[in-house]
C-alpha atoms as a PDB file:
ATOM      1  CA  UNK A   1      10.405   4.836 -17.511  1.00  0.00           C
ATOM      2  CA  UNK A   2       9.025   5.809 -14.070  1.00  0.00           C
ATOM      3  CA  UNK A   3       6.991   3.942 -11.439  1.00  0.00           C
ATOM      4  CA  UNK A   4       5.632   5.389  -8.553  1.00  0.00           C
ATOM      5  CA  UNK A   5       4.922   3.281  -5.599  1.00  0.00           C
ATOM      6  CA  UNK A   6       2.759   3.314  -2.437  1.00  0.00           C
ATOM      7  CA  UNK A   7       3.406   1.587   0.241  1.00  0.00           C
ATOM      8  CA  UNK A   8       0.952  -0.273   2.154  1.00  0.00           C
ATOM      9  CA  UNK A   9       0.399  -0.802   6.250  1.00  0.00           C
ATOM     10  CA  UNK A  10       3.137  -1.608   7.861  1.00  0.00           C
ATOM     11  CA  UNK A  11       5.400   1.114   6.064  1.00  0.00           C
ATOM     12  CA  UNK A  12       5.223   2.975   9.202  1.00  0.00           C
ATOM     13  CA  UNK A  13       7.397   3.588  12.243  1.00  0.00           C
ATOM     14  CA  UNK A  14       7.534   6.138  15.258  1.00  0.00           C
ATOM     15  CA  UNK A  15       8.068   9.694  14.154  1.00  0.00           C
ATOM     16  CA  UNK A  16       8.627   8.719  10.722  1.00  0.00           C
ATOM     17  CA  UNK A  17       6.762  12.034   9.821  1.00  0.00           C
ATOM     18  CA  UNK A  18       8.989  14.181  11.962  1.00  0.00           C
ATOM     19  CA  UNK A  19      11.483  15.880   9.481  1.00  0.00           C
ATOM     20  CA  UNK A  20       7.767  16.557   7.693  1.00  0.00           C
ATOM     21  CA  UNK A  21       6.618  18.384   9.539  1.00  0.00           C
ATOM     22  CA  UNK A  22       9.675  21.164  10.127  1.00  0.00           C
ATOM     23  CA  UNK A  23       8.604  22.327   6.721  1.00  0.00           C
ATOM     24  CA  UNK A  24       5.491  24.373   7.564  1.00  0.00           C
ATOM     25  CA  UNK A  25       3.755  23.631   4.177  1.00  0.00           C
ATOM     26  CA  UNK A  26       3.846  20.097   4.785  1.00  0.00           C
ATOM     27  CA  UNK A  27       2.606  20.603   8.136  1.00  0.00           C
ATOM     28  CA  UNK A  28      -0.278  22.609   7.039  1.00  0.00           C
ATOM     29  CA  UNK A  29      -1.393  20.373   4.818  1.00  0.00           C
ATOM     30  CA  UNK A  30      -1.001  17.255   7.639  1.00  0.00           C
ATOM     31  CA  UNK A  31      -2.985  19.550   9.881  1.00  0.00           C
ATOM     32  CA  UNK A  32      -6.326  20.071   7.220  1.00  0.00           C
ATOM     33  CA  UNK A  33      -5.732  16.124   6.212  1.00  0.00           C
ATOM     34  CA  UNK A  34      -6.008  15.311  10.215  1.00  0.00           C
ATOM     35  CA  UNK A  35      -9.212  18.141  10.738  1.00  0.00           C
ATOM     36  CA  UNK A  36     -10.486  16.169   7.316  1.00  0.00           C
ATOM     37  CA  UNK A  37     -10.432  12.630   8.988  1.00  0.00           C
ATOM     38  CA  UNK A  38     -11.140  13.721  12.390  1.00  0.00           C
ATOM     39  CA  UNK A  39      -7.561  12.057  13.532  1.00  0.00           C
ATOM     40  CA  UNK A  40      -4.578  13.942  15.087  1.00  0.00           C
ATOM     41  CA  UNK A  41      -1.976  12.444  12.450  1.00  0.00           C
ATOM     42  CA  UNK A  42       0.240  15.316  13.829  1.00  0.00           C
ATOM     43  CA  UNK A  43       0.794  13.283  16.995  1.00  0.00           C
ATOM     44  CA  UNK A  44       0.336  10.310  15.266  1.00  0.00           C
ATOM     45  CA  UNK A  45       3.387  10.556  12.398  1.00  0.00           C
ATOM     46  CA  UNK A  46       5.507  12.245  15.355  1.00  0.00           C
ATOM     47  CA  UNK A  47       4.514  11.564  18.993  1.00  0.00           C
ATOM     48  CA  UNK A  48       2.870   8.340  19.118  1.00  0.00           C
ATOM     49  CA  UNK A  49       4.704   4.533  19.701  1.00  0.00           C
ATOM     50  CA  UNK A  50       3.696   1.512  17.532  1.00  0.00           C
ATOM     51  CA  UNK A  51       1.523   0.079  19.708  1.00  0.00           C
ATOM     52  CA  UNK A  52      -0.911   3.393  18.733  1.00  0.00           C
ATOM     53  CA  UNK A  53       0.065   3.443  14.797  1.00  0.00           C
ATOM     54  CA  UNK A  54      -0.318  -0.155  14.148  1.00  0.00           C
ATOM     55  CA  UNK A  55      -4.214   0.452  14.941  1.00  0.00           C
ATOM     56  CA  UNK A  56      -5.446   0.789  11.685  1.00  0.00           C
ATOM     57  CA  UNK A  57      -8.687   2.856  12.055  1.00  0.00           C
ATOM     58  CA  UNK A  58      -5.196   5.317  13.064  1.00  0.00           C
ATOM     59  CA  UNK A  59      -2.675   3.922  10.180  1.00  0.00           C
ATOM     60  CA  UNK A  60      -4.214   3.530   6.893  1.00  0.00           C
ATOM     61  CA  UNK A  61      -5.420   7.158   6.996  1.00  0.00           C
ATOM     62  CA  UNK A  62      -1.428   8.399   8.133  1.00  0.00           C
ATOM     63  CA  UNK A  63       0.120   6.301   5.620  1.00  0.00           C
ATOM     64  CA  UNK A  64      -1.864   7.896   2.753  1.00  0.00           C
ATOM     65  CA  UNK A  65      -1.829  10.799   4.183  1.00  0.00           C
ATOM     66  CA  UNK A  66       2.363  10.721   3.650  1.00  0.00           C
ATOM     67  CA  UNK A  67       2.041   9.280   0.913  1.00  0.00           C
ATOM     68  CA  UNK A  68      -0.148  12.349  -0.443  1.00  0.00           C
ATOM     69  CA  UNK A  69       2.322  14.457   1.540  1.00  0.00           C
ATOM     70  CA  UNK A  70       4.758  13.084  -0.788  1.00  0.00           C
ATOM     71  CA  UNK A  71       3.179  12.918  -4.180  1.00  0.00           C
ATOM     72  CA  UNK A  72       2.456  17.512  -4.098  1.00  0.00           C
ATOM     73  CA  UNK A  73       6.009  17.469  -3.731  1.00  0.00           C
ATOM     74  CA  UNK A  74       7.785  14.499  -6.033  1.00  0.00           C
ATOM     75  CA  UNK A  75       4.998  15.238  -9.635  1.00  0.00           C
ATOM     76  CA  UNK A  76       5.042  19.054  -8.886  1.00  0.00           C
ATOM     77  CA  UNK A  77       6.236  21.866 -11.848  1.00  0.00           C
ATOM     78  CA  UNK A  78       4.927  19.149 -14.301  1.00  0.00           C
ATOM     79  CA  UNK A  79       6.904  16.093 -13.072  1.00  0.00           C
ATOM     80  CA  UNK A  80       3.512  14.495 -13.401  1.00  0.00           C
ATOM     81  CA  UNK A  81       4.272  14.635 -16.738  1.00  0.00           C
ATOM     82  CA  UNK A  82       6.961  12.680 -16.552  1.00  0.00           C
ATOM     83  CA  UNK A  83       6.122   9.909 -14.501  1.00  0.00           C
ATOM     84  CA  UNK A  84       5.496   7.133 -16.650  1.00  0.00           C
ATOM     85  CA  UNK A  85       2.960   4.892 -14.705  1.00  0.00           C
ATOM     86  CA  UNK A  86       1.907   4.568 -10.403  1.00  0.00           C
ATOM     87  CA  UNK A  87       0.341   1.884  -8.242  1.00  0.00           C
ATOM     88  CA  UNK A  88       0.154   0.844  -4.665  1.00  0.00           C
ATOM     89  CA  UNK A  89       0.006  -2.106  -2.390  1.00  0.00           C
ATOM     90  CA  UNK A  90      -2.752  -2.844  -0.281  1.00  0.00           C
ATOM     91  CA  UNK A  91      -4.110   0.631   1.257  1.00  0.00           C
ATOM     92  CA  UNK A  92      -1.324   2.421  -0.545  1.00  0.00           C
ATOM     93  CA  UNK A  93      -3.708   1.755  -3.868  1.00  0.00           C
ATOM     94  CA  UNK A  94      -5.781   5.075  -1.996  1.00  0.00           C
ATOM     95  CA  UNK A  95      -2.518   6.948  -2.645  1.00  0.00           C
ATOM     96  CA  UNK A  96      -2.039   5.728  -6.558  1.00  0.00           C
ATOM     97  CA  UNK A  97      -6.191   6.490  -6.497  1.00  0.00           C
ATOM     98  CA  UNK A  98      -5.208  10.027  -5.873  1.00  0.00           C
ATOM     99  CA  UNK A  99      -1.956  10.786  -7.686  1.00  0.00           C
ATOM    100  CA  UNK A 100      -3.740   9.074 -10.689  1.00  0.00           C
ATOM    101  CA  UNK A 101      -6.518  11.857 -10.185  1.00  0.00           C
ATOM    102  CA  UNK A 102      -8.932   9.169 -10.289  1.00  0.00           C
ATOM    103  CA  UNK A 103      -9.628  10.392  -6.854  1.00  0.00           C
ATOM    104  CA  UNK A 104      -9.546  14.370  -5.445  1.00  0.00           C
ATOM    105  CA  UNK A 105      -7.382  14.117  -2.287  1.00  0.00           C
ATOM    106  CA  UNK A 106     -10.349  14.699  -0.015  1.00  0.00           C
ATOM    107  CA  UNK A 107     -11.843  11.340  -1.369  1.00  0.00           C
ATOM    108  CA  UNK A 108      -8.810   9.621  -0.686  1.00  0.00           C
ATOM    109  CA  UNK A 109      -8.505  10.609   2.813  1.00  0.00           C
ATOM    110  CA  UNK A 110     -11.862  10.075   3.199  1.00  0.00           C
ATOM    111  CA  UNK A 111     -11.820   6.721   1.623  1.00  0.00           C
ATOM    112  CA  UNK A 112      -8.777   5.580   3.524  1.00  0.00           C
ATOM    113  CA  UNK A 113     -10.643   6.319   6.828  1.00  0.00           C
ATOM    114  CA  UNK A 114     -13.892   4.691   6.197  1.00  0.00           C
ATOM    115  CA  UNK A 115     -11.265   1.872   5.176  1.00  0.00           C
ATOM    116  CA  UNK A 116      -9.724   1.453   8.427  1.00  0.00           C
ATOM    117  CA  UNK A 117     -12.230   1.964  10.741  1.00  0.00           C
ATOM    118  CA  UNK A 118     -14.312  -0.711   8.361  1.00  0.00           C
ATOM    119  CA  UNK A 119     -11.262  -3.498   8.203  1.00  0.00           C
ATOM    120  CA  UNK A 120     -10.617  -2.596  12.232  1.00  0.00           C
ATOM    121  CA  UNK A 121     -14.225  -3.482  13.237  1.00  0.00           C
ATOM    122  CA  UNK A 122     -13.976  -6.671  10.459  1.00  0.00           C
ATOM    123  CA  UNK A 123     -10.927  -8.128  12.468  1.00  0.00           C
ATOM    124  CA  UNK A 124     -12.419  -7.297  16.025  1.00  0.00           C
ATOM    125  CA  UNK A 125     -15.312 -10.498  14.921  1.00  0.00           C
ATOM    126  CA  UNK A 126     -12.260 -13.763  15.694  1.00  0.00           C
ATOM    127  CA  UNK A 127      -8.822 -13.310  16.604  1.00  0.00           C
ATOM    128  CA  UNK A 128      -7.407 -13.563  12.709  1.00  0.00           C
ATOM    129  CA  UNK A 129      -4.069 -12.712  12.310  1.00  0.00           C
ATOM    130  CA  UNK A 130      -1.271 -12.689   9.526  1.00  0.00           C
ATOM    131  CA  UNK A 131       2.510 -14.457   9.275  1.00  0.00           C
ATOM    132  CA  UNK A 132       5.333 -14.096   6.048  1.00  0.00           C
ATOM    133  CA  UNK A 133       6.047 -17.272   4.275  1.00  0.00           C
ATOM    134  CA  UNK A 134       9.929 -16.713   2.951  1.00  0.00           C
ATOM    135  CA  UNK A 135      11.346 -18.376   0.577  1.00  0.00           C
ATOM    136  CA  UNK A 136       8.522 -21.594   0.797  1.00  0.00           C
ATOM    137  CA  UNK A 137       7.706 -23.419  -2.764  1.00  0.00           C
ATOM    138  CA  UNK A 138       4.704 -21.711  -3.610  1.00  0.00           C
ATOM    139  CA  UNK A 139       2.735 -25.032  -4.787  1.00  0.00           C
ATOM    140  CA  UNK A 140       3.184 -26.618  -1.897  1.00  0.00           C
ATOM    141  CA  UNK A 141       2.813 -23.172   1.021  1.00  0.00           C
ATOM    142  CA  UNK A 142      -0.566 -23.220  -1.297  1.00  0.00           C
ATOM    143  CA  UNK A 143      -1.916 -27.051  -0.194  1.00  0.00           C
ATOM    144  CA  UNK A 144      -0.519 -26.513   3.200  1.00  0.00           C
ATOM    145  CA  UNK A 145      -2.922 -23.716   3.900  1.00  0.00           C
ATOM    146  CA  UNK A 146      -5.552 -25.338   1.716  1.00  0.00           C
ATOM    147  CA  UNK A 147      -5.120 -28.131   4.774  1.00  0.00           C
ATOM    148  CA  UNK A 148      -4.887 -25.750   7.088  1.00  0.00           C
ATOM    149  CA  UNK A 149      -7.776 -23.464   6.636  1.00  0.00           C
ATOM    150  CA  UNK A 150      -5.521 -20.345   5.887  1.00  0.00           C
ATOM    151  CA  UNK A 151      -5.227 -17.883   2.724  1.00  0.00           C
ATOM    152  CA  UNK A 152      -2.908 -16.304   1.009  1.00  0.00           C
ATOM    153  CA  UNK A 153      -2.981 -12.438   1.317  1.00  0.00           C
ATOM    154  CA  UNK A 154      -0.066 -10.988  -0.237  1.00  0.00           C
ATOM    155  CA  UNK A 155       2.164 -12.521  -3.135  1.00  0.00           C
ATOM    156  CA  UNK A 156       4.724 -10.080  -2.659  1.00  0.00           C
ATOM    157  CA  UNK A 157       7.296 -11.558  -5.418  1.00  0.00           C
ATOM    158  CA  UNK A 158      10.939 -12.222  -4.603  1.00  0.00           C
ATOM    159  CA  UNK A 159       9.652 -15.649  -3.056  1.00  0.00           C
ATOM    160  CA  UNK A 160       7.491 -14.217   0.204  1.00  0.00           C
ATOM    161  CA  UNK A 161       3.690 -14.247   0.138  1.00  0.00           C
ATOM    162  CA  UNK A 162       2.218 -13.339   3.466  1.00  0.00           C
ATOM    163  CA  UNK A 163      -1.150 -15.689   4.879  1.00  0.00           C
ATOM    164  CA  UNK A 164      -3.906 -14.908   6.985  1.00  0.00           C
ATOM    165  CA  UNK A 165      -6.320 -16.597   9.161  1.00  0.00           C
ATOM    166  CA  UNK A 166      -7.015 -17.691  12.378  1.00  0.00           C
ATOM    167  CA  UNK A 167      -4.210 -17.702  15.000  1.00  0.00           C
ATOM    168  CA  UNK A 168      -3.873 -21.024  15.944  1.00  0.00           C
ATOM    169  CA  UNK A 169      -3.678 -21.657  12.570  1.00  0.00           C
ATOM    170  CA  UNK A 170      -1.542 -19.970  11.350  1.00  0.00           C
ATOM    171  CA  UNK A 171       0.838 -20.883  14.676  1.00  0.00           C
ATOM    172  CA  UNK A 172       0.459 -24.477  13.360  1.00  0.00           C
ATOM    173  CA  UNK A 173       2.013 -23.609  10.482  1.00  0.00           C
ATOM    174  CA  UNK A 174       4.567 -21.777  12.156  1.00  0.00           C
ATOM    175  CA  UNK A 175       5.433 -25.190  13.842  1.00  0.00           C
ATOM    176  CA  UNK A 176       5.014 -27.319  10.878  1.00  0.00           C
ATOM    177  CA  UNK A 177       6.464 -24.518   7.852  1.00  0.00           C
ATOM    178  CA  UNK A 178       6.996 -26.052   4.251  1.00  0.00           C
ATOM    179  CA  UNK A 179      10.686 -27.125   3.224  1.00  0.00           C
ATOM    180  CA  UNK A 180      13.146 -25.021   3.547  1.00  0.00           C
ATOM    181  CA  UNK A 181      10.929 -21.958   4.905  1.00  0.00           C
ATOM    182  CA  UNK A 182      10.542 -19.431   7.313  1.00  0.00           C
ATOM    183  CA  UNK A 183       7.387 -18.516   8.719  1.00  0.00           C
ATOM    184  CA  UNK A 184       7.195 -14.964  10.228  1.00  0.00           C
ATOM    185  CA  UNK A 185       4.293 -13.751  12.223  1.00  0.00           C
ATOM    186  CA  UNK A 186       3.618 -10.285  11.790  1.00  0.00           C
ATOM    187  CA  UNK A 187       2.293  -7.440  13.752  1.00  0.00           C
ATOM    188  CA  UNK A 188      -1.023  -7.046  12.592  1.00  0.00           C
ATOM    189  CA  UNK A 189      -4.426  -6.786  13.857  1.00  0.00           C
ATOM    190  CA  UNK A 190      -6.423  -9.236  11.615  1.00  0.00           C
ATOM    191  CA  UNK A 191      -6.473 -11.160   8.504  1.00  0.00           C
ATOM    192  CA  UNK A 192      -6.694  -8.432   5.915  1.00  0.00           C
ATOM    193  CA  UNK A 193      -7.317  -9.354   2.422  1.00  0.00           C
ATOM    194  CA  UNK A 194      -9.221 -13.003   3.068  1.00  0.00           C
ATOM    195  CA  UNK A 195     -12.485 -13.880   3.569  1.00  0.00           C
ATOM    196  CA  UNK A 196     -12.438 -11.770   6.571  1.00  0.00           C
ATOM    197  CA  UNK A 197     -12.890  -8.564   5.386  1.00  0.00           C
ATOM    198  CA  UNK A 198     -16.038  -8.975   3.651  1.00  0.00           C
ATOM    199  CA  UNK A 199     -18.168  -7.249   6.356  1.00  0.00           C
ATOM    200  CA  UNK A 200     -15.695  -4.027   5.415  1.00  0.00           C
ATOM    201  CA  UNK A 201     -16.158  -4.134   1.751  1.00  0.00           C
ATOM    202  CA  UNK A 202     -19.829  -4.404   2.213  1.00  0.00           C
ATOM    203  CA  UNK A 203     -19.344  -0.963   3.876  1.00  0.00           C
ATOM    204  CA  UNK A 204     -17.422   0.473   1.173  1.00  0.00           C
ATOM    205  CA  UNK A 205     -19.300   0.138  -1.043  1.00  0.00           C
ATOM    206  CA  UNK A 206     -21.667   2.138  -0.050  1.00  0.00           C
ATOM    207  CA  UNK A 207     -18.756   5.462   0.779  1.00  0.00           C
ATOM    208  CA  UNK A 208     -17.853   4.229  -2.729  1.00  0.00           C
ATOM    209  CA  UNK A 209     -20.751   5.438  -4.314  1.00  0.00           C
ATOM    210  CA  UNK A 210     -21.008   8.968  -3.316  1.00  0.00           C
ATOM    211  CA  UNK A 211     -17.317   9.299  -4.165  1.00  0.00           C
ATOM    212  CA  UNK A 212     -16.811  11.700  -7.452  1.00  0.00           C
ATOM    213  CA  UNK A 213     -14.381   9.329  -9.800  1.00  0.00           C
ATOM    214  CA  UNK A 214     -12.479  10.518 -12.894  1.00  0.00           C
ATOM    215  CA  UNK A 215     -10.248   8.275 -15.290  1.00  0.00           C
ATOM    216  CA  UNK A 216      -6.782   8.008 -15.185  1.00  0.00           C
ATOM    217  CA  UNK A 217      -4.300  10.844 -16.120  1.00  0.00           C
ATOM    218  CA  UNK A 218      -1.355   8.568 -15.600  1.00  0.00           C
ATOM    219  CA  UNK A 219      -1.102   5.050 -16.358  1.00  0.00           C
ATOM    220  CA  UNK A 220      -2.242   2.912 -12.997  1.00  0.00           C
ATOM    221  CA  UNK A 221      -2.097  -0.895 -12.216  1.00  0.00           C
ATOM    222  CA  UNK A 222      -4.378  -3.109  -9.421  1.00  0.00           C
ATOM    223  CA  UNK A 223      -3.296  -5.269  -7.147  1.00  0.00           C
ATOM    224  CA  UNK A 224      -6.095  -7.943  -8.093  1.00  0.00           C
ATOM    225  CA  UNK A 225      -4.236  -8.958 -10.876  1.00  0.00           C
ATOM    226  CA  UNK A 226      -1.376  -6.573 -11.499  1.00  0.00           C
ATOM    227  CA  UNK A 227      -3.718  -5.021 -14.496  1.00  0.00           C
ATOM    228  CA  UNK A 228      -3.505  -1.581 -15.936  1.00  0.00           C
ATOM    229  CA  UNK A 229      -7.154   0.403 -15.167  1.00  0.00           C
ATOM    230  CA  UNK A 230      -8.126   2.320 -17.735  1.00  0.00           C
ATOM    231  CA  UNK A 231     -11.666   3.454 -16.046  1.00  0.00           C
ATOM    232  CA  UNK A 232     -11.429   5.430 -12.463  1.00  0.00           C
ATOM    233  CA  UNK A 233     -14.624   3.807 -11.957  1.00  0.00           C
ATOM    234  CA  UNK A 234     -13.467   0.228 -12.451  1.00  0.00           C
ATOM    235  CA  UNK A 235     -10.291   1.004 -10.517  1.00  0.00           C
ATOM    236  CA  UNK A 236     -12.783   2.137  -7.391  1.00  0.00           C
ATOM    237  CA  UNK A 237     -14.554  -0.833  -7.862  1.00  0.00           C
ATOM    238  CA  UNK A 238     -11.430  -3.372  -7.567  1.00  0.00           C
ATOM    239  CA  UNK A 239     -10.752  -0.765  -4.295  1.00  0.00           C
ATOM    240  CA  UNK A 240     -13.968  -1.952  -2.483  1.00  0.00           C
ATOM    241  CA  UNK A 241     -13.163  -5.568  -3.350  1.00  0.00           C
ATOM    242  CA  UNK A 242      -9.249  -5.690  -2.869  1.00  0.00           C
ATOM    243  CA  UNK A 243      -9.767  -5.728   1.133  1.00  0.00           C
ATOM    244  CA  UNK A 244     -11.038  -9.270   1.214  1.00  0.00           C
ATOM    245  CA  UNK A 245      -8.845  -9.624  -2.010  1.00  0.00           C
ATOM    246  CA  UNK A 246      -5.500 -11.046  -2.067  1.00  0.00           C
ATOM    247  CA  UNK A 247      -2.579  -8.248  -3.139  1.00  0.00           C
ATOM    248  CA  UNK A 248      -1.113  -9.462  -6.690  1.00  0.00           C
ATOM    249  CA  UNK A 249       2.257  -7.355  -6.154  1.00  0.00           C
ATOM    250  CA  UNK A 250       4.178  -9.421  -8.017  1.00  0.00           C
ATOM    251  CA  UNK A 251       2.518  -9.826 -10.813  1.00  0.00           C
ATOM    252  CA  UNK A 252       1.980  -5.709 -10.667  1.00  0.00           C
ATOM    253  CA  UNK A 253       6.428  -6.121 -11.096  1.00  0.00           C
ATOM    254  CA  UNK A 254       5.944  -8.464 -13.772  1.00  0.00           C
ATOM    255  CA  UNK A 255       3.513  -5.485 -15.339  1.00  0.00           C
ATOM    256  CA  UNK A 256       6.592  -2.888 -14.537  1.00  0.00           C
ATOM    257  CA  UNK A 257       8.555  -5.201 -15.881  1.00  0.00           C
ATOM    258  CA  UNK A 258       6.888  -5.311 -19.334  1.00  0.00           C
ATOM    259  CA  UNK A 259       6.239  -2.104 -19.944  1.00  0.00           C
ATOM    260  CA  UNK A 260      10.223  -1.055 -19.475  1.00  0.00           C
ATOM    261  CA  UNK A 261      10.752   0.126 -16.050  1.00  0.00           C
ATOM    262  CA  UNK A 262      13.900   2.391 -15.806  1.00  0.00           C
ATOM    263  CA  UNK A 263      13.762   3.574 -12.621  1.00  0.00           C
ATOM    264  CA  UNK A 264      10.959   3.026  -9.162  1.00  0.00           C
ATOM    265  CA  UNK A 265      10.208   6.081  -6.618  1.00  0.00           C
ATOM    266  CA  UNK A 266       8.350   5.083  -3.530  1.00  0.00           C
ATOM    267  CA  UNK A 267       6.543   7.392  -1.621  1.00  0.00           C
ATOM    268  CA  UNK A 268       6.707   8.105   2.259  1.00  0.00           C
ATOM    269  CA  UNK A 269       6.751   5.968   4.499  1.00  0.00           C
ATOM    270  CA  UNK A 270       8.877   4.204   1.950  1.00  0.00           C
ATOM    271  CA  UNK A 271      11.272   1.197   1.936  1.00  0.00           C
ATOM    272  CA  UNK A 272       9.786  -2.358   2.154  1.00  0.00           C
ATOM    273  CA  UNK A 273       8.617  -1.835  -1.820  1.00  0.00           C
ATOM    274  CA  UNK A 274      11.871  -0.782  -3.110  1.00  0.00           C
ATOM    275  CA  UNK A 275      13.573  -3.769  -1.081  1.00  0.00           C
ATOM    276  CA  UNK A 276      10.548  -6.083  -2.841  1.00  0.00           C
ATOM    277  CA  UNK A 277      11.717  -4.174  -6.762  1.00  0.00           C
ATOM    278  CA  UNK A 278      15.370  -5.027  -5.530  1.00  0.00           C
ATOM    279  CA  UNK A 279      15.288  -8.362  -5.882  1.00  0.00           C
ATOM    280  CA  UNK A 280      12.127  -8.676  -8.398  1.00  0.00           C
ATOM    281  CA  UNK A 281      13.626  -6.239 -10.340  1.00  0.00           C
ATOM    282  CA  UNK A 282      17.160  -6.571 -10.166  1.00  0.00           C
ATOM    283  CA  UNK A 283      18.995  -3.164 -11.654  1.00  0.00           C
ATOM    284  CA  UNK A 284      16.509  -1.011 -11.820  1.00  0.00           C
ATOM    285  CA  UNK A 285      16.904   1.877  -9.913  1.00  0.00           C
ATOM    286  CA  UNK A 286      15.265   3.173  -7.014  1.00  0.00           C
ATOM    287  CA  UNK A 287      14.937   5.695  -4.535  1.00  0.00           C
ATOM    288  CA  UNK A 288      12.826   5.804  -1.009  1.00  0.00           C
ATOM    289  CA  UNK A 289      11.640   8.718  -0.676  1.00  0.00           C
ATOM    290  CA  UNK A 290      11.781   8.517   3.613  1.00  0.00           C
ATOM    291  CA  UNK A 291      12.162  12.442   4.323  1.00  0.00           C
ATOM    292  CA  UNK A 292      12.237  15.946   2.318  1.00  0.00           C
ATOM    293  CA  UNK A 293      16.119  15.136   1.828  1.00  0.00           C
ATOM    294  CA  UNK A 294      15.522  12.139  -0.548  1.00  0.00           C
ATOM    295  CA  UNK A 295      13.074  14.683  -2.490  1.00  0.00           C
ATOM    296  CA  UNK A 296      16.174  15.464  -4.910  1.00  0.00           C
ATOM    297  CA  UNK A 297      17.296  12.398  -5.780  1.00  0.00           C
ATOM    298  CA  UNK A 298      13.695  10.933  -7.064  1.00  0.00           C
ATOM    299  CA  UNK A 299      13.124  14.510  -8.818  1.00  0.00           C
ATOM    300  CA  UNK A 300      16.762  13.737 -10.615  1.00  0.00           C
ATOM    301  CA  UNK A 301      15.447  10.687 -11.496  1.00  0.00           C
ATOM    302  CA  UNK A 302      12.486  12.063 -12.824  1.00  0.00           C
ATOM    303  CA  UNK A 303      14.405  14.317 -15.010  1.00  0.00           C
ATOM    304  CA  UNK A 304      17.130  12.022 -16.359  1.00  0.00           C
ATOM    305  CA  UNK A 305      14.506   9.653 -17.877  1.00  0.00           C
ATOM    306  CA  UNK A 306      12.979   9.825 -21.200  1.00  0.00           C
ATOM    307  CA  UNK A 307      10.156  11.693 -22.098  1.00  0.00           C
ATOM    308  CA  UNK A 308       6.074  10.164 -22.702  1.00  0.00           C
ATOM    309  CA  UNK A 309       5.498   9.184 -25.676  1.00  0.00           C
END
């Protein structure tokens, strides 16, 4: 049982699309997506620096575009029918929605353009940020967050929880971390997946009304609680609400385990999610597709899997 996973914001690095754009068909596809969203993703995937591609309004379309390029190659020639499921982390859920047949690629890039712009605007309203907390007791951490007015944003599994809120409160947490825990400030623009993103969700609700949805043709799980979603309309509604709700990637991985996962493939820009899986799903083979050179190993993993019943 092979699960394909789609990464979220923060997975992008300068120049990560250069190897893809050496292949004409990928270059043409990325140019088409760039034209559709009105953002030069070709430049941002090759020559833009880290500060530029950290901008939420750029990062999110760039990450989804990379995922769509990867999925097109990975799931061609009937391999769509050989994978058992797909899921995305944060904005990666938009990539996953396209991969599962819920949204067309065109609607996925339209939605993510609006998502990135709306979340960037919401982040600009107040000085907020995010920090990763590693190795904390969850109960102790949540109590401390409550006392500081902070919120858990990503439950990533493997002892990692990303927290978010006011910058001064994050600084206070860093100065007095939970027992045996490390607090690592993240280079992000705002407190994503918290109440600070409610203005973005209000905007996206209107965008979602204009999208054509289909029920998933491939099993898909939601970040809301790790459960499987059978309705395309419901999944898009969850996409809207998810911008101000915590990402429960820990529960997604628990669902993979319960379903009998035997392999995980992460689409570009890959690395973060297979890293989490190595800690939470020990012994499960994985492939991170960072460049086209990684595709043969991923395809081999799919071809070696048992047919989907």
